[in-house]
Amino acid sequence: MVLSRLLAMIRPAFVTEPILEPRMSRAEVLAAVSLAVGPRPPGQELMGVTLRQVYGRLLWSVGTMNMGASTSVDVDDATGVVGPLTYRGLR
């Protein structure tokens, strides 16, 4: 068990995954999220967009750009499926 955790921590240093090209554009991601989430109150607009590669899949993360409470949602690049809206911090 401990050896598998150690190997899981060391693996990223030696194994690199090929960099994938995104299928969706930034504008398409924002449009899909705005349709799924609906209107947001002032100061809670979803506008911070980042692209990450997780286990060979591309995920877009869209969130608020404010301090304190934050809201975020993930979008799968291959399918365009919008994940659940998550809240962190103060409400």
N, C-alpha and C. Protein backbone atom coordinates (compact mmCIF):
# COMPACT_ATOMS: atom_id res chain seq x y z
N MET A 1 0.83 -1.20 0.00
CA MET A 1 0.00 0.00 0.00
C MET A 1 0.87 1.26 0.00
N VAL A 2 1.87 1.28 0.86
CA VAL A 2 2.76 2.44 0.94
C VAL A 2 3.59 2.56 -0.32
N LEU A 3 4.02 1.44 -0.88
CA LEU A 3 4.81 1.46 -2.11
C LEU A 3 3.99 2.02 -3.27
N SER A 4 2.72 1.66 -3.35
CA SER A 4 1.89 2.16 -4.44
C SER A 4 1.69 3.67 -4.33
N ARG A 5 1.57 4.19 -3.12
CA ARG A 5 1.46 5.64 -2.94
C ARG A 5 2.75 6.34 -3.34
N LEU A 6 3.87 5.74 -2.96
CA LEU A 6 5.17 6.31 -3.32
C LEU A 6 5.35 6.34 -4.83
N LEU A 7 5.00 5.25 -5.50
CA LEU A 7 5.10 5.21 -6.96
C LEU A 7 4.15 6.20 -7.62
N ALA A 8 2.98 6.39 -7.05
CA ALA A 8 2.03 7.36 -7.60
C ALA A 8 2.57 8.78 -7.49
N MET A 9 3.33 9.07 -6.44
CA MET A 9 3.90 10.41 -6.29
C MET A 9 5.09 10.62 -7.23
N ILE A 10 5.86 9.57 -7.47
CA ILE A 10 7.07 9.69 -8.29
C ILE A 10 6.74 9.63 -9.79
N ARG A 11 5.69 8.93 -10.17
CA ARG A 11 5.36 8.71 -11.58
C ARG A 11 5.31 9.98 -12.43
N PRO A 12 4.67 11.07 -11.98
CA PRO A 12 4.62 12.26 -12.85
C PRO A 12 5.98 12.84 -13.22
N ALA A 13 7.00 12.58 -12.41
CA ALA A 13 8.33 13.11 -12.72
C ALA A 13 8.98 12.38 -13.89
N PHE A 14 8.58 11.14 -14.12
CA PHE A 14 9.22 10.33 -15.15
C PHE A 14 8.33 10.04 -16.36
N VAL A 15 7.03 10.09 -16.18
CA VAL A 15 6.10 9.78 -17.27
C VAL A 15 5.34 11.04 -17.64
N THR A 16 5.43 11.42 -18.89
CA THR A 16 4.68 12.59 -19.35
C THR A 16 3.65 12.14 -20.37
N GLU A 17 2.47 12.72 -20.27
CA GLU A 17 1.41 12.42 -21.21
C GLU A 17 1.51 13.37 -22.39
N PRO A 18 1.12 12.93 -23.57
CA PRO A 18 1.15 13.85 -24.71
C PRO A 18 0.16 14.99 -24.51
N ILE A 19 0.54 16.16 -24.96
CA ILE A 19 -0.34 17.32 -24.83
C ILE A 19 -1.42 17.24 -25.89
N LEU A 20 -2.67 17.30 -25.46
CA LEU A 20 -3.82 17.19 -26.36
C LEU A 20 -4.28 18.57 -26.80
N GLU A 21 -4.88 18.63 -27.97
CA GLU A 21 -5.47 19.87 -28.46
C GLU A 21 -6.93 19.91 -28.04
N PRO A 22 -7.42 21.04 -27.52
CA PRO A 22 -8.82 21.12 -27.10
C PRO A 22 -9.76 21.13 -28.30
N ARG A 23 -10.93 20.52 -28.12
CA ARG A 23 -11.95 20.51 -29.16
C ARG A 23 -12.86 21.73 -29.06
N MET A 24 -13.05 22.21 -27.84
CA MET A 24 -13.92 23.37 -27.62
C MET A 24 -13.07 24.63 -27.47
N SER A 25 -13.64 25.75 -27.87
CA SER A 25 -12.95 27.03 -27.67
C SER A 25 -13.41 27.62 -26.33
N ARG A 26 -12.69 28.64 -25.91
CA ARG A 26 -13.03 29.32 -24.65
C ARG A 26 -14.45 29.90 -24.71
N ALA A 27 -14.83 30.47 -25.84
CA ALA A 27 -16.17 31.06 -25.99
C ALA A 27 -17.25 29.98 -25.93
N GLU A 28 -17.00 28.81 -26.53
CA GLU A 28 -17.97 27.72 -26.48
C GLU A 28 -18.16 27.21 -25.05
N VAL A 29 -17.07 27.15 -24.30
CA VAL A 29 -17.15 26.69 -22.91
C VAL A 29 -17.97 27.68 -22.08
N LEU A 30 -17.70 28.96 -22.22
CA LEU A 30 -18.45 29.97 -21.47
C LEU A 30 -19.93 29.96 -21.85
N ALA A 31 -20.24 29.74 -23.12
CA ALA A 31 -21.64 29.68 -23.55
C ALA A 31 -22.34 28.46 -22.95
N ALA A 32 -21.68 27.30 -22.94
CA ALA A 32 -22.28 26.09 -22.38
C ALA A 32 -22.51 26.25 -20.88
N VAL A 33 -21.56 26.84 -20.19
CA VAL A 33 -21.70 27.02 -18.74
C VAL A 33 -22.80 28.03 -18.43
N SER A 34 -22.87 29.11 -19.17
CA SER A 34 -23.91 30.12 -18.90
C SER A 34 -25.31 29.57 -19.15
N LEU A 35 -25.45 28.68 -20.13
CA LEU A 35 -26.76 28.04 -20.36
C LEU A 35 -27.10 27.07 -19.24
N ALA A 36 -26.12 26.32 -18.76
CA ALA A 36 -26.38 25.31 -17.73
C ALA A 36 -26.60 25.94 -16.35
N VAL A 37 -25.83 26.98 -16.03
CA VAL A 37 -25.87 27.57 -14.70
C VAL A 37 -26.96 28.63 -14.58
N GLY A 38 -27.19 29.38 -15.64
CA GLY A 38 -28.17 30.45 -15.60
C GLY A 38 -27.54 31.76 -15.17
N PRO A 39 -28.37 32.78 -14.98
CA PRO A 39 -27.83 34.09 -14.62
C PRO A 39 -27.24 34.08 -13.21
N ARG A 40 -26.15 34.81 -13.04
CA ARG A 40 -25.47 34.90 -11.75
C ARG A 40 -25.64 36.31 -11.19
N PRO A 41 -25.65 36.45 -9.87
CA PRO A 41 -25.74 37.79 -9.29
C PRO A 41 -24.50 38.62 -9.59
N PRO A 42 -24.59 39.94 -9.50
CA PRO A 42 -23.42 40.79 -9.75
C PRO A 42 -22.26 40.42 -8.83
N GLY A 43 -21.07 40.35 -9.40
CA GLY A 43 -19.88 39.98 -8.66
C GLY A 43 -19.64 38.48 -8.63
N GLN A 44 -20.57 37.69 -9.15
CA GLN A 44 -20.43 36.24 -9.16
C GLN A 44 -20.43 35.70 -10.60
N GLU A 45 -20.04 36.53 -11.57
CA GLU A 45 -20.00 36.08 -12.96
C GLU A 45 -18.92 35.04 -13.14
N LEU A 46 -19.22 33.99 -13.89
CA LEU A 46 -18.24 32.94 -14.18
C LEU A 46 -17.37 33.40 -15.33
N MET A 47 -16.10 33.69 -15.05
CA MET A 47 -15.26 34.21 -16.12
C MET A 47 -13.84 33.69 -16.09
N GLY A 48 -13.38 33.10 -15.01
CA GLY A 48 -12.03 32.56 -14.98
C GLY A 48 -12.01 31.20 -15.63
N VAL A 49 -11.37 31.05 -16.78
CA VAL A 49 -11.38 29.80 -17.54
C VAL A 49 -9.96 29.25 -17.63
N THR A 50 -9.80 27.99 -17.20
CA THR A 50 -8.51 27.31 -17.32
C THR A 50 -8.72 25.93 -17.94
N LEU A 51 -7.71 25.45 -18.62
CA LEU A 51 -7.76 24.13 -19.26
C LEU A 51 -6.74 23.24 -18.58
N ARG A 52 -7.19 22.04 -18.14
CA ARG A 52 -6.29 21.09 -17.48
C ARG A 52 -6.39 19.74 -18.16
N GLN A 53 -5.30 18.99 -18.10
CA GLN A 53 -5.30 17.63 -18.61
C GLN A 53 -5.24 16.69 -17.41
N VAL A 54 -6.28 15.86 -17.25
CA VAL A 54 -6.38 14.96 -16.11
C VAL A 54 -6.56 13.54 -16.64
N TYR A 55 -5.56 12.70 -16.38
CA TYR A 55 -5.60 11.30 -16.82
C TYR A 55 -5.96 11.15 -18.30
N GLY A 56 -5.33 11.95 -19.14
CA GLY A 56 -5.52 11.84 -20.57
C GLY A 56 -6.77 12.51 -21.12
N ARG A 57 -7.53 13.21 -20.27
CA ARG A 57 -8.73 13.92 -20.71
C ARG A 57 -8.55 15.40 -20.43
N LEU A 58 -9.15 16.22 -21.25
CA LEU A 58 -9.08 17.66 -21.04
C LEU A 58 -10.33 18.13 -20.31
N LEU A 59 -10.12 18.93 -19.27
CA LEU A 59 -11.21 19.50 -18.49
C LEU A 59 -11.05 21.01 -18.46
N TRP A 60 -12.12 21.71 -18.76
CA TRP A 60 -12.16 23.15 -18.62
C TRP A 60 -12.71 23.45 -17.23
N SER A 61 -12.05 24.32 -16.48
CA SER A 61 -12.55 24.77 -15.18
C SER A 61 -12.94 26.23 -15.33
N VAL A 62 -14.19 26.51 -14.98
CA VAL A 62 -14.70 27.88 -15.07
C VAL A 62 -15.13 28.29 -13.68
N GLY A 63 -14.68 29.47 -13.23
CA GLY A 63 -15.02 29.91 -11.88
C GLY A 63 -15.07 31.40 -11.75
N THR A 64 -15.46 31.83 -10.56
CA THR A 64 -15.52 33.26 -10.27
C THR A 64 -14.13 33.78 -9.97
N MET A 65 -13.94 35.05 -10.16
CA MET A 65 -12.64 35.68 -9.93
C MET A 65 -12.74 36.65 -8.76
N ASN A 66 -13.19 36.17 -7.59
CA ASN A 66 -13.31 37.04 -6.44
C ASN A 66 -12.67 36.38 -5.22
N MET A 67 -12.44 37.17 -4.18
CA MET A 67 -11.86 36.64 -2.95
C MET A 67 -12.99 36.24 -2.01
N GLY A 68 -12.69 35.33 -1.10
CA GLY A 68 -13.72 34.86 -0.17
C GLY A 68 -14.41 33.65 -0.74
N ALA A 69 -15.70 33.74 -0.95
CA ALA A 69 -16.47 32.63 -1.50
C ALA A 69 -16.20 32.52 -3.00
N SER A 70 -16.11 31.28 -3.49
CA SER A 70 -15.88 31.08 -4.91
C SER A 70 -16.83 30.02 -5.44
N THR A 71 -17.09 30.10 -6.71
CA THR A 71 -17.96 29.17 -7.40
C THR A 71 -17.18 28.62 -8.59
N SER A 72 -17.29 27.32 -8.84
CA SER A 72 -16.60 26.75 -10.00
C SER A 72 -17.41 25.60 -10.58
N VAL A 73 -17.13 25.32 -11.85
CA VAL A 73 -17.78 24.23 -12.56
C VAL A 73 -16.78 23.68 -13.57
N ASP A 74 -16.80 22.37 -13.80
CA ASP A 74 -15.91 21.73 -14.77
C ASP A 74 -16.71 21.32 -16.00
N VAL A 75 -16.06 21.42 -17.16
CA VAL A 75 -16.67 21.02 -18.44
C VAL A 75 -15.73 20.04 -19.11
N ASP A 76 -16.25 18.88 -19.51
CA ASP A 76 -15.46 17.88 -20.22
C ASP A 76 -15.29 18.34 -21.66
N ASP A 77 -14.06 18.41 -22.12
CA ASP A 77 -13.78 18.92 -23.47
C ASP A 77 -14.27 17.96 -24.55
N ALA A 78 -14.19 16.66 -24.32
CA ALA A 78 -14.57 15.68 -25.34
C ALA A 78 -16.08 15.62 -25.56
N THR A 79 -16.85 15.71 -24.48
CA THR A 79 -18.30 15.55 -24.59
C THR A 79 -19.07 16.86 -24.45
N GLY A 80 -18.47 17.86 -23.84
CA GLY A 80 -19.16 19.12 -23.61
C GLY A 80 -20.10 19.08 -22.42
N VAL A 81 -20.02 18.03 -21.61
CA VAL A 81 -20.89 17.89 -20.45
C VAL A 81 -20.44 18.84 -19.35
N VAL A 82 -21.39 19.61 -18.81
CA VAL A 82 -21.11 20.56 -17.74
C VAL A 82 -21.36 19.86 -16.42
N GLY A 83 -20.36 19.87 -15.55
CA GLY A 83 -20.47 19.22 -14.25
C GLY A 83 -21.28 20.07 -13.26
N PRO A 84 -21.41 19.57 -12.05
CA PRO A 84 -22.18 20.33 -11.04
C PRO A 84 -21.44 21.58 -10.59
N LEU A 85 -22.20 22.56 -10.18
CA LEU A 85 -21.68 23.82 -9.67
C LEU A 85 -21.23 23.61 -8.23
N THR A 86 -19.99 23.96 -7.90
CA THR A 86 -19.48 23.78 -6.55
C THR A 86 -19.18 25.12 -5.91
N TYR A 87 -19.46 25.23 -4.63
CA TYR A 87 -19.22 26.45 -3.85
C TYR A 87 -18.13 26.16 -2.83
N ARG A 88 -17.24 27.13 -2.63
CA ARG A 88 -16.19 27.01 -1.63
C ARG A 88 -16.11 28.31 -0.86
N GLY A 89 -15.81 28.21 0.41
CA GLY A 89 -15.64 29.42 1.22
C GLY A 89 -16.91 29.87 1.87
N LEU A 90 -16.99 31.17 2.13
CA LEU A 90 -18.15 31.76 2.80
C LEU A 90 -19.33 31.84 1.83
N ARG A 91 -20.52 31.72 2.38
CA ARG A 91 -21.72 31.87 1.53
C ARG A 91 -22.55 33.02 1.97
